[in-house]
């Protein structure tokens, strides 16, 4: 059996031929065409999302910045849900455009890119609920409200 889609992608990424791993994944998976030509399992998608999350975290929370991941969620889980809602609206907008115009092409972020972001934001929500987000204060609840001592 030949290389998997993801192993092919990682080989090429390691040689710096592709800057955007989400686009690379979609291209290898055949997701940018009408019919996918290569099977992509849910486990493949989760692995790719995990790798993408790590790469993006290096941009958003780099060691030279005082910004921590929790800073992006001032209202805790409610802030994360707002982001998830916005991603869902974007996906709906693109799908409606495609349904009404066969020639429509996404300009920047594909449906697959947005779906992968949704998976990652869902993981952030679960992590936040369990106190696992970098920079999260232990004296605050899941909505980032100060917890009163009793």
N, C-alpha and C. Protein backbone atom coordinates (compact mmCIF):
# COMPACT_ATOMS: atom_id res chain seq x y z
N UNK A 1 0.84 -1.19 0.00
CA UNK A 1 0.00 0.00 0.00
C UNK A 1 0.88 1.24 0.00
N UNK A 2 0.49 2.27 -0.76
CA UNK A 2 1.26 3.52 -0.88
C UNK A 2 1.10 4.39 0.34
N UNK A 3 1.72 5.54 0.26
CA UNK A 3 1.64 6.51 1.35
C UNK A 3 0.22 7.03 1.49
N UNK A 4 -0.13 7.37 2.73
CA UNK A 4 -1.43 7.97 2.97
C UNK A 4 -1.41 9.43 2.50
N UNK A 5 -2.56 10.01 2.39
CA UNK A 5 -2.68 11.42 2.01
C UNK A 5 -1.88 12.28 2.97
N UNK A 6 -2.03 12.01 4.26
CA UNK A 6 -1.36 12.84 5.25
C UNK A 6 0.15 12.67 5.21
N UNK A 7 0.64 11.44 5.02
CA UNK A 7 2.09 11.26 4.97
C UNK A 7 2.67 11.94 3.74
N UNK A 8 1.95 11.92 2.62
CA UNK A 8 2.40 12.64 1.43
C UNK A 8 2.47 14.14 1.72
N UNK A 9 1.45 14.63 2.39
CA UNK A 9 1.40 16.05 2.70
C UNK A 9 2.55 16.43 3.62
N UNK A 10 2.81 15.63 4.66
CA UNK A 10 3.88 15.95 5.59
C UNK A 10 5.24 15.91 4.91
N UNK A 11 5.44 14.97 4.00
CA UNK A 11 6.70 14.92 3.26
C UNK A 11 6.91 16.22 2.51
N UNK A 12 5.90 16.70 1.84
CA UNK A 12 6.03 17.93 1.07
C UNK A 12 6.14 19.14 1.97
N UNK A 13 5.39 19.16 3.09
CA UNK A 13 5.48 20.29 4.01
C UNK A 13 6.87 20.39 4.60
N UNK A 14 7.47 19.24 4.90
CA UNK A 14 8.80 19.29 5.50
C UNK A 14 9.83 19.87 4.55
N UNK A 15 9.54 19.85 3.26
CA UNK A 15 10.46 20.47 2.31
C UNK A 15 10.03 21.90 1.98
N UNK A 16 9.13 22.44 2.78
CA UNK A 16 8.68 23.83 2.66
C UNK A 16 8.05 24.16 1.31
N UNK A 17 7.42 23.19 0.67
CA UNK A 17 6.78 23.48 -0.60
C UNK A 17 5.39 24.07 -0.41
N UNK A 18 4.79 23.87 0.77
CA UNK A 18 3.43 24.37 1.00
C UNK A 18 3.40 25.18 2.28
N UNK A 19 2.85 26.38 2.20
CA UNK A 19 2.78 27.25 3.37
C UNK A 19 1.55 26.98 4.21
N UNK A 20 0.42 26.61 3.62
CA UNK A 20 -0.83 26.46 4.34
C UNK A 20 -1.21 24.99 4.41
N UNK A 21 -1.09 24.40 5.60
CA UNK A 21 -1.35 22.98 5.74
C UNK A 21 -2.80 22.62 5.49
N UNK A 22 -3.74 23.52 5.80
CA UNK A 22 -5.15 23.22 5.55
C UNK A 22 -5.42 23.12 4.06
N UNK A 23 -4.87 24.07 3.27
CA UNK A 23 -5.03 24.00 1.83
C UNK A 23 -4.38 22.74 1.27
N UNK A 24 -3.20 22.41 1.78
CA UNK A 24 -2.51 21.20 1.33
C UNK A 24 -3.35 19.97 1.60
N UNK A 25 -3.91 19.90 2.78
CA UNK A 25 -4.75 18.77 3.15
C UNK A 25 -5.94 18.66 2.21
N UNK A 26 -6.59 19.77 1.97
CA UNK A 26 -7.76 19.76 1.09
C UNK A 26 -7.38 19.34 -0.32
N UNK A 27 -6.25 19.82 -0.80
CA UNK A 27 -5.82 19.46 -2.15
C UNK A 27 -5.50 17.97 -2.25
N UNK A 28 -4.76 17.43 -1.28
CA UNK A 28 -4.43 16.02 -1.32
C UNK A 28 -5.65 15.14 -1.16
N UNK A 29 -6.58 15.60 -0.36
CA UNK A 29 -7.78 14.81 -0.10
C UNK A 29 -8.76 14.87 -1.25
N UNK A 30 -8.53 15.77 -2.18
CA UNK A 30 -9.48 15.94 -3.27
C UNK A 30 -10.74 16.65 -2.82
N UNK A 31 -10.65 17.37 -1.70
CA UNK A 31 -11.83 18.01 -1.13
C UNK A 31 -12.23 19.27 -1.89
N UNK A 32 -11.34 19.83 -2.70
CA UNK A 32 -11.67 21.03 -3.44
C UNK A 32 -12.38 20.73 -4.74
N UNK A 33 -12.58 19.45 -5.03
CA UNK A 33 -13.31 19.08 -6.24
C UNK A 33 -14.70 18.61 -5.86
N UNK A 34 -15.54 18.39 -6.87
CA UNK A 34 -16.91 17.98 -6.60
C UNK A 34 -16.96 16.62 -5.92
N UNK A 35 -16.13 15.69 -6.36
CA UNK A 35 -16.10 14.34 -5.78
C UNK A 35 -14.70 14.06 -5.27
N UNK A 36 -14.60 13.68 -4.01
CA UNK A 36 -13.29 13.36 -3.44
C UNK A 36 -12.76 12.09 -4.08
N UNK A 37 -11.52 12.15 -4.53
CA UNK A 37 -10.92 10.99 -5.19
C UNK A 37 -10.14 10.12 -4.23
N UNK A 38 -9.82 10.62 -3.06
CA UNK A 38 -9.05 9.86 -2.08
C UNK A 38 -9.82 9.83 -0.76
N UNK A 39 -9.93 8.66 -0.16
CA UNK A 39 -10.66 8.60 1.12
C UNK A 39 -9.89 9.28 2.24
N UNK A 40 -10.60 10.03 3.04
CA UNK A 40 -10.03 10.70 4.20
C UNK A 40 -10.88 10.28 5.39
N UNK A 41 -10.27 9.58 6.32
CA UNK A 41 -11.01 9.09 7.47
C UNK A 41 -11.17 10.20 8.51
N UNK A 42 -12.15 10.06 9.39
CA UNK A 42 -12.27 11.03 10.48
C UNK A 42 -10.99 11.11 11.32
N UNK A 43 -10.32 10.01 11.50
CA UNK A 43 -9.06 10.02 12.26
C UNK A 43 -8.01 10.87 11.53
N UNK A 44 -7.97 10.79 10.19
CA UNK A 44 -7.06 11.63 9.40
C UNK A 44 -7.36 13.10 9.65
N UNK A 45 -8.64 13.44 9.64
CA UNK A 45 -9.06 14.83 9.82
C UNK A 45 -8.67 15.32 11.22
N UNK A 46 -8.91 14.50 12.24
CA UNK A 46 -8.57 14.90 13.60
C UNK A 46 -7.06 15.09 13.76
N UNK A 47 -6.27 14.24 13.15
CA UNK A 47 -4.81 14.37 13.21
C UNK A 47 -4.39 15.67 12.54
N UNK A 48 -4.97 15.95 11.37
CA UNK A 48 -4.63 17.18 10.67
C UNK A 48 -5.03 18.40 11.49
N UNK A 49 -6.20 18.36 12.11
CA UNK A 49 -6.66 19.48 12.94
C UNK A 49 -5.72 19.70 14.12
N UNK A 50 -5.28 18.61 14.71
CA UNK A 50 -4.34 18.71 15.83
C UNK A 50 -3.03 19.37 15.39
N UNK A 51 -2.51 18.93 14.26
CA UNK A 51 -1.27 19.51 13.74
C UNK A 51 -1.46 20.99 13.39
N UNK A 52 -2.58 21.31 12.78
CA UNK A 52 -2.88 22.69 12.42
C UNK A 52 -3.00 23.56 13.67
N UNK A 53 -3.64 23.03 14.70
CA UNK A 53 -3.80 23.76 15.96
C UNK A 53 -2.44 24.10 16.57
N UNK A 54 -1.53 23.16 16.55
CA UNK A 54 -0.19 23.40 17.10
C UNK A 54 0.53 24.48 16.29
N UNK A 55 0.45 24.39 14.96
CA UNK A 55 1.12 25.39 14.12
C UNK A 55 0.53 26.78 14.34
N UNK A 56 -0.80 26.88 14.39
CA UNK A 56 -1.43 28.19 14.58
C UNK A 56 -1.12 28.75 15.97
N UNK A 57 -1.01 27.89 16.97
CA UNK A 57 -0.73 28.39 18.32
C UNK A 57 0.64 29.05 18.38
N UNK A 58 1.55 28.61 17.53
CA UNK A 58 2.87 29.25 17.49
C UNK A 58 2.79 30.67 16.94
N UNK A 59 1.77 30.95 16.12
CA UNK A 59 1.57 32.31 15.62
C UNK A 59 0.80 33.16 16.64
N UNK A 60 -0.26 32.58 17.20
CA UNK A 60 -1.14 33.35 18.08
C UNK A 60 -0.57 33.55 19.48
N UNK A 61 0.15 32.61 19.99
CA UNK A 61 0.74 32.70 21.33
C UNK A 61 2.22 32.38 21.24
N UNK A 62 2.98 33.24 20.60
CA UNK A 62 4.40 32.94 20.45
C UNK A 62 5.16 33.32 21.71
N UNK A 63 6.32 32.74 21.91
CA UNK A 63 7.08 32.96 23.14
C UNK A 63 7.52 34.41 23.36
N UNK A 64 7.49 35.23 22.32
CA UNK A 64 7.92 36.62 22.43
C UNK A 64 6.76 37.56 22.75
N UNK A 65 5.59 37.01 23.02
CA UNK A 65 4.41 37.82 23.29
C UNK A 65 3.87 37.53 24.68
N UNK A 66 3.23 38.52 25.27
CA UNK A 66 2.58 38.31 26.56
C UNK A 66 1.16 37.76 26.39
N UNK A 67 0.69 37.69 25.15
CA UNK A 67 -0.67 37.21 24.88
C UNK A 67 -0.73 35.71 25.09
N UNK A 68 -1.70 35.27 25.88
CA UNK A 68 -1.94 33.84 26.11
C UNK A 68 -3.26 33.48 25.43
N UNK A 69 -3.49 32.21 25.21
CA UNK A 69 -4.69 31.79 24.50
C UNK A 69 -5.96 32.27 25.21
N UNK A 70 -5.99 32.22 26.53
CA UNK A 70 -7.18 32.64 27.29
C UNK A 70 -7.54 34.10 27.03
N UNK A 71 -6.57 34.92 26.64
CA UNK A 71 -6.84 36.34 26.36
C UNK A 71 -7.80 36.53 25.20
N UNK A 72 -7.90 35.55 24.31
CA UNK A 72 -8.81 35.64 23.17
C UNK A 72 -10.26 35.38 23.58
N UNK A 73 -10.47 34.91 24.80
CA UNK A 73 -11.81 34.52 25.25
C UNK A 73 -12.19 35.27 26.52
N UNK A 74 -12.42 36.59 26.44
CA UNK A 74 -12.71 37.38 27.64
C UNK A 74 -13.98 36.95 28.37
N UNK A 75 -14.91 36.33 27.66
CA UNK A 75 -16.13 35.83 28.29
C UNK A 75 -16.11 34.30 28.38
N UNK A 76 -14.92 33.74 28.37
CA UNK A 76 -14.77 32.29 28.51
C UNK A 76 -15.44 31.53 27.38
N UNK A 77 -16.20 30.52 27.75
CA UNK A 77 -16.87 29.66 26.78
C UNK A 77 -17.81 30.46 25.87
N UNK A 78 -18.42 31.50 26.39
CA UNK A 78 -19.30 32.33 25.56
C UNK A 78 -18.54 32.95 24.39
N UNK A 79 -17.31 33.39 24.63
CA UNK A 79 -16.50 33.94 23.55
C UNK A 79 -16.18 32.86 22.51
N UNK A 80 -15.87 31.67 22.97
CA UNK A 80 -15.58 30.57 22.04
C UNK A 80 -16.82 30.24 21.22
N UNK A 81 -17.98 30.23 21.85
CA UNK A 81 -19.23 29.97 21.11
C UNK A 81 -19.50 31.05 20.08
N UNK A 82 -19.16 32.30 20.38
CA UNK A 82 -19.31 33.38 19.40
C UNK A 82 -18.45 33.09 18.16
N UNK A 83 -17.23 32.63 18.38
CA UNK A 83 -16.34 32.32 17.27
C UNK A 83 -16.89 31.14 16.46
N UNK A 84 -17.37 30.12 17.15
CA UNK A 84 -17.96 28.96 16.48
C UNK A 84 -19.17 29.39 15.65
N UNK A 85 -19.98 30.26 16.22
CA UNK A 85 -21.16 30.77 15.50
C UNK A 85 -20.74 31.51 14.22
N UNK A 86 -19.73 32.36 14.33
CA UNK A 86 -19.25 33.11 13.17
C UNK A 86 -18.71 32.17 12.09
N UNK A 87 -17.98 31.14 12.50
CA UNK A 87 -17.46 30.15 11.53
C UNK A 87 -18.60 29.42 10.84
N UNK A 88 -19.62 29.08 11.60
CA UNK A 88 -20.78 28.38 11.04
C UNK A 88 -21.51 29.27 10.04
N UNK A 89 -21.67 30.55 10.38
CA UNK A 89 -22.31 31.50 9.46
C UNK A 89 -21.50 31.63 8.16
N UNK A 90 -20.19 31.67 8.30
CA UNK A 90 -19.35 31.76 7.11
C UNK A 90 -19.55 30.54 6.22
N UNK A 91 -19.57 29.37 6.82
CA UNK A 91 -19.78 28.15 6.04
C UNK A 91 -21.14 28.17 5.35
N UNK A 92 -22.16 28.60 6.07
CA UNK A 92 -23.51 28.68 5.49
C UNK A 92 -23.52 29.65 4.31
N UNK A 93 -22.86 30.79 4.46
CA UNK A 93 -22.80 31.78 3.39
C UNK A 93 -22.14 31.21 2.14
N UNK A 94 -21.02 30.53 2.31
CA UNK A 94 -20.32 29.93 1.17
C UNK A 94 -21.17 28.85 0.52
N UNK A 95 -21.80 28.01 1.33
CA UNK A 95 -22.64 26.93 0.78
C UNK A 95 -23.81 27.53 -0.01
N UNK A 96 -24.44 28.58 0.53
CA UNK A 96 -25.54 29.22 -0.20
C UNK A 96 -25.06 29.82 -1.51
N UNK A 97 -23.86 30.39 -1.52
CA UNK A 97 -23.32 30.95 -2.76
C UNK A 97 -23.08 29.84 -3.79
N UNK A 98 -22.55 28.72 -3.34
CA UNK A 98 -22.30 27.58 -4.23
C UNK A 98 -23.61 27.01 -4.76
N UNK A 99 -24.61 26.92 -3.88
CA UNK A 99 -25.91 26.39 -4.31
C UNK A 99 -26.57 27.26 -5.37
N UNK A 100 -26.34 28.57 -5.29
CA UNK A 100 -27.01 29.47 -6.23
C UNK A 100 -26.17 29.81 -7.46
N UNK A 101 -24.87 29.46 -7.43
CA UNK A 101 -24.00 29.79 -8.56
C UNK A 101 -22.95 28.70 -8.71
N UNK A 102 -23.12 27.83 -9.70
CA UNK A 102 -22.19 26.72 -9.93
C UNK A 102 -20.77 27.19 -10.20
N UNK A 103 -20.59 28.40 -10.66
CA UNK A 103 -19.27 28.92 -10.97
C UNK A 103 -18.59 29.57 -9.76
N UNK A 104 -19.29 29.69 -8.64
CA UNK A 104 -18.74 30.35 -7.46
C UNK A 104 -17.52 29.58 -6.94
N UNK A 105 -16.48 30.32 -6.60
CA UNK A 105 -15.28 29.76 -5.99
C UNK A 105 -14.98 30.53 -4.71
N UNK A 106 -14.62 29.80 -3.66
CA UNK A 106 -14.24 30.46 -2.41
C UNK A 106 -13.01 31.32 -2.68
N UNK A 107 -12.96 32.49 -2.07
CA UNK A 107 -11.86 33.41 -2.32
C UNK A 107 -10.68 33.19 -1.39
N UNK A 108 -10.93 32.85 -0.14
CA UNK A 108 -9.82 32.78 0.81
C UNK A 108 -9.86 31.49 1.62
N UNK A 109 -10.93 31.28 2.34
CA UNK A 109 -11.01 30.13 3.25
C UNK A 109 -12.08 29.18 2.75
N UNK A 110 -11.70 27.93 2.53
CA UNK A 110 -12.63 26.94 2.02
C UNK A 110 -13.57 26.45 3.13
N UNK A 111 -14.59 25.74 2.71
CA UNK A 111 -15.50 25.12 3.68
C UNK A 111 -14.71 24.16 4.56
N UNK A 112 -13.79 23.42 3.96
CA UNK A 112 -12.97 22.47 4.72
C UNK A 112 -12.11 23.19 5.76
N UNK A 113 -11.52 24.32 5.38
CA UNK A 113 -10.72 25.10 6.34
C UNK A 113 -11.59 25.53 7.52
N UNK A 114 -12.79 26.03 7.22
CA UNK A 114 -13.69 26.46 8.29
C UNK A 114 -14.12 25.29 9.16
N UNK A 115 -14.37 24.13 8.55
CA UNK A 115 -14.77 22.95 9.32
C UNK A 115 -13.64 22.51 10.24
N UNK A 116 -12.41 22.58 9.75
CA UNK A 116 -11.28 22.22 10.60
C UNK A 116 -11.14 23.21 11.75
N UNK A 117 -11.39 24.48 11.49
CA UNK A 117 -11.37 25.47 12.57
C UNK A 117 -12.46 25.17 13.59
N UNK A 118 -13.63 24.76 13.13
CA UNK A 118 -14.72 24.40 14.05
C UNK A 118 -14.30 23.26 14.98
N UNK A 119 -13.65 22.26 14.41
CA UNK A 119 -13.17 21.14 15.23
C UNK A 119 -12.22 21.65 16.29
N UNK A 120 -11.30 22.52 15.89
CA UNK A 120 -10.33 23.04 16.86
C UNK A 120 -10.99 23.93 17.91
N UNK A 121 -11.93 24.79 17.50
CA UNK A 121 -12.61 25.62 18.50
C UNK A 121 -13.45 24.78 19.45
N UNK A 122 -14.03 23.69 18.98
CA UNK A 122 -14.77 22.78 19.87
C UNK A 122 -13.81 22.19 20.90
N UNK A 123 -12.59 21.87 20.47
CA UNK A 123 -11.61 21.33 21.43
C UNK A 123 -11.21 22.41 22.44
N UNK A 124 -11.12 23.67 21.99
CA UNK A 124 -10.81 24.75 22.92
C UNK A 124 -11.93 24.90 23.96
N UNK A 125 -13.18 24.77 23.52
CA UNK A 125 -14.32 24.88 24.43
C UNK A 125 -14.23 23.81 25.52
N UNK A 126 -14.00 22.57 25.11
CA UNK A 126 -13.91 21.47 26.09
C UNK A 126 -12.72 21.70 27.02
N UNK A 127 -11.61 22.14 26.46
CA UNK A 127 -10.43 22.40 27.27
C UNK A 127 -10.69 23.54 28.26
N UNK A 128 -11.35 24.61 27.80
CA UNK A 128 -11.66 25.74 28.68
C UNK A 128 -12.56 25.29 29.83
N UNK A 129 -13.54 24.46 29.51
CA UNK A 129 -14.46 23.94 30.54
C UNK A 129 -13.70 23.17 31.64
N UNK A 130 -12.53 22.67 31.27
CA UNK A 130 -11.75 21.86 32.21
C UNK A 130 -10.47 22.56 32.68
N UNK A 131 -10.41 23.87 32.48
CA UNK A 131 -9.28 24.66 32.98
C UNK A 131 -7.97 24.42 32.25
N UNK A 132 -8.02 23.96 31.00
CA UNK A 132 -6.81 23.59 30.29
C UNK A 132 -6.30 24.55 29.25
N UNK A 133 -6.82 25.77 29.20
CA UNK A 133 -6.37 26.75 28.21
C UNK A 133 -5.22 27.57 28.80
N UNK A 134 -4.16 27.73 28.01
CA UNK A 134 -3.00 28.51 28.44
C UNK A 134 -3.43 29.92 28.86
N UNK A 135 -3.06 30.31 30.07
CA UNK A 135 -3.38 31.63 30.57
C UNK A 135 -4.70 31.72 31.32
N UNK A 136 -5.42 30.63 31.40
CA UNK A 136 -6.70 30.62 32.11
C UNK A 136 -6.44 30.75 33.61
N UNK A 137 -7.18 31.64 34.25
CA UNK A 137 -7.03 31.90 35.68
C UNK A 137 -7.78 30.85 36.50
N UNK A 138 -7.13 30.31 37.52
CA UNK A 138 -7.76 29.27 38.34
C UNK A 138 -8.89 29.81 39.21
N UNK A 139 -8.92 31.13 39.43
CA UNK A 139 -9.96 31.72 40.28
C UNK A 139 -11.16 32.21 39.46
N UNK A 140 -11.29 31.70 38.21
CA UNK A 140 -12.40 32.10 37.34
C UNK A 140 -13.12 30.86 36.83
N UNK A 141 -14.42 31.02 36.56
CA UNK A 141 -15.23 29.89 36.10
C UNK A 141 -15.18 29.77 34.57
N UNK A 142 -16.02 28.91 34.02
CA UNK A 142 -16.01 28.65 32.58
C UNK A 142 -16.49 29.84 31.76
N UNK A 143 -17.10 30.84 32.40
CA UNK A 143 -17.49 32.07 31.71
C UNK A 143 -16.52 33.21 32.02
N UNK A 144 -15.39 32.85 32.63
CA UNK A 144 -14.33 33.79 33.00
C UNK A 144 -14.78 34.79 34.07
N UNK A 145 -15.76 34.37 34.86
CA UNK A 145 -16.20 35.20 35.98
C UNK A 145 -15.40 34.84 37.22
N UNK A 146 -15.07 35.84 38.01
CA UNK A 146 -14.36 35.62 39.27
C UNK A 146 -15.20 34.72 40.16
N UNK A 147 -14.59 33.68 40.68
CA UNK A 147 -15.28 32.75 41.56
C UNK A 147 -15.13 33.27 42.98
N UNK A 148 -16.27 33.41 43.66
CA UNK A 148 -16.21 33.90 45.04
C UNK A 148 -15.86 32.75 45.98
N UNK A 149 -15.05 33.07 46.95
CA UNK A 149 -14.68 32.05 47.95
C UNK A 149 -15.77 31.98 49.00
N UNK A 150 -16.12 30.76 49.38
CA UNK A 150 -17.17 30.57 50.40
C UNK A 150 -16.64 29.89 51.60
